[in-house]
Amino acid sequence: MSYAEAVAELETILAQLQEVPADIDQLHARVARAEQLIAACRGKLRGAEEQLDELRKTTEN
């Protein structure tokens, strides 16, 4: 899943949480999925940051 796809799904989940009253099982499932998506996004951002750091190191030498 791409970063953009994960963010889009997070936005959908947020909209659902704001608009539709959910039962506790739906709420739990949505929050759990949001946590997975956030972790995936953080991982991609960390990876990009590491690549930028490596690029900086190679261009400084």
Protein backbone atom coordinates (compact mmCIF):
# COMPACT_ATOMS: atom_id res chain seq x y z
CA MET A 1 0.00 0.00 0.00
CA SER A 2 1.35 3.40 -0.89
CA TYR A 3 1.58 6.31 1.51
CA ALA A 4 -1.12 8.16 -0.42
CA GLU A 5 -3.46 5.16 -0.26
CA ALA A 6 -2.92 4.83 3.48
CA VAL A 7 -3.62 8.52 4.06
CA ALA A 8 -6.77 8.31 1.92
CA GLU A 9 -8.01 5.35 3.94
CA LEU A 10 -7.24 7.21 7.18
CA GLU A 11 -9.29 10.15 5.92
CA THR A 12 -12.18 7.80 5.14
CA ILE A 13 -12.00 6.28 8.62
CA LEU A 14 -11.93 9.73 10.19
CA ALA A 15 -14.98 10.81 8.19
CA GLN A 16 -16.82 7.65 9.25
CA LEU A 17 -15.98 8.26 12.88
CA GLN A 18 -17.22 11.84 12.66
CA GLU A 19 -20.45 11.13 10.79
CA VAL A 20 -21.81 7.71 11.60
CA PRO A 21 -22.54 6.55 15.11
CA ALA A 22 -20.85 3.17 15.31
CA ASP A 23 -21.33 0.32 17.71
CA ILE A 24 -18.37 -0.60 19.84
CA ASP A 25 -17.25 -3.42 17.53
CA GLN A 26 -17.18 -1.11 14.49
CA LEU A 27 -15.41 1.57 16.49
CA HIS A 28 -12.79 -0.92 17.68
CA ALA A 29 -12.19 -2.22 14.15
CA ARG A 30 -11.84 1.29 12.73
CA VAL A 31 -9.46 2.42 15.44
CA ALA A 32 -7.38 -0.74 15.05
CA ARG A 33 -7.17 -0.22 11.28
CA ALA A 34 -6.25 3.43 11.77
CA GLU A 35 -3.42 2.38 14.10
CA GLN A 36 -2.11 -0.01 11.43
CA LEU A 37 -2.25 2.68 8.77
CA ILE A 38 -0.53 5.24 10.99
CA ALA A 39 2.25 2.76 11.75
CA ALA A 40 2.68 2.06 8.04
CA CYS A 41 2.83 5.79 7.24
CA ARG A 42 5.38 6.40 9.99
CA GLY A 43 7.50 3.56 8.62
CA LYS A 44 7.43 5.02 5.13
CA LEU A 45 8.31 8.47 6.45
CA ARG A 46 11.20 7.04 8.49
CA GLY A 47 12.44 5.21 5.41
CA ALA A 48 12.33 8.37 3.33
CA GLU A 49 14.13 10.28 6.07
CA GLU A 50 16.87 7.64 6.20
CA GLN A 51 17.29 7.79 2.43
CA LEU A 52 17.60 11.57 2.59
CA ASP A 53 20.19 11.29 5.35
CA GLU A 54 22.21 8.85 3.23
CA LEU A 55 21.94 11.14 0.23
CA ARG A 56 23.16 14.08 2.30
CA LYS A 57 26.12 12.07 3.51
CA THR A 58 27.14 11.10 -0.01
CA THR A 59 26.81 14.63 -1.35
CA GLU A 60 28.80 16.14 1.53
CA ASN A 61 31.86 14.03 0.74
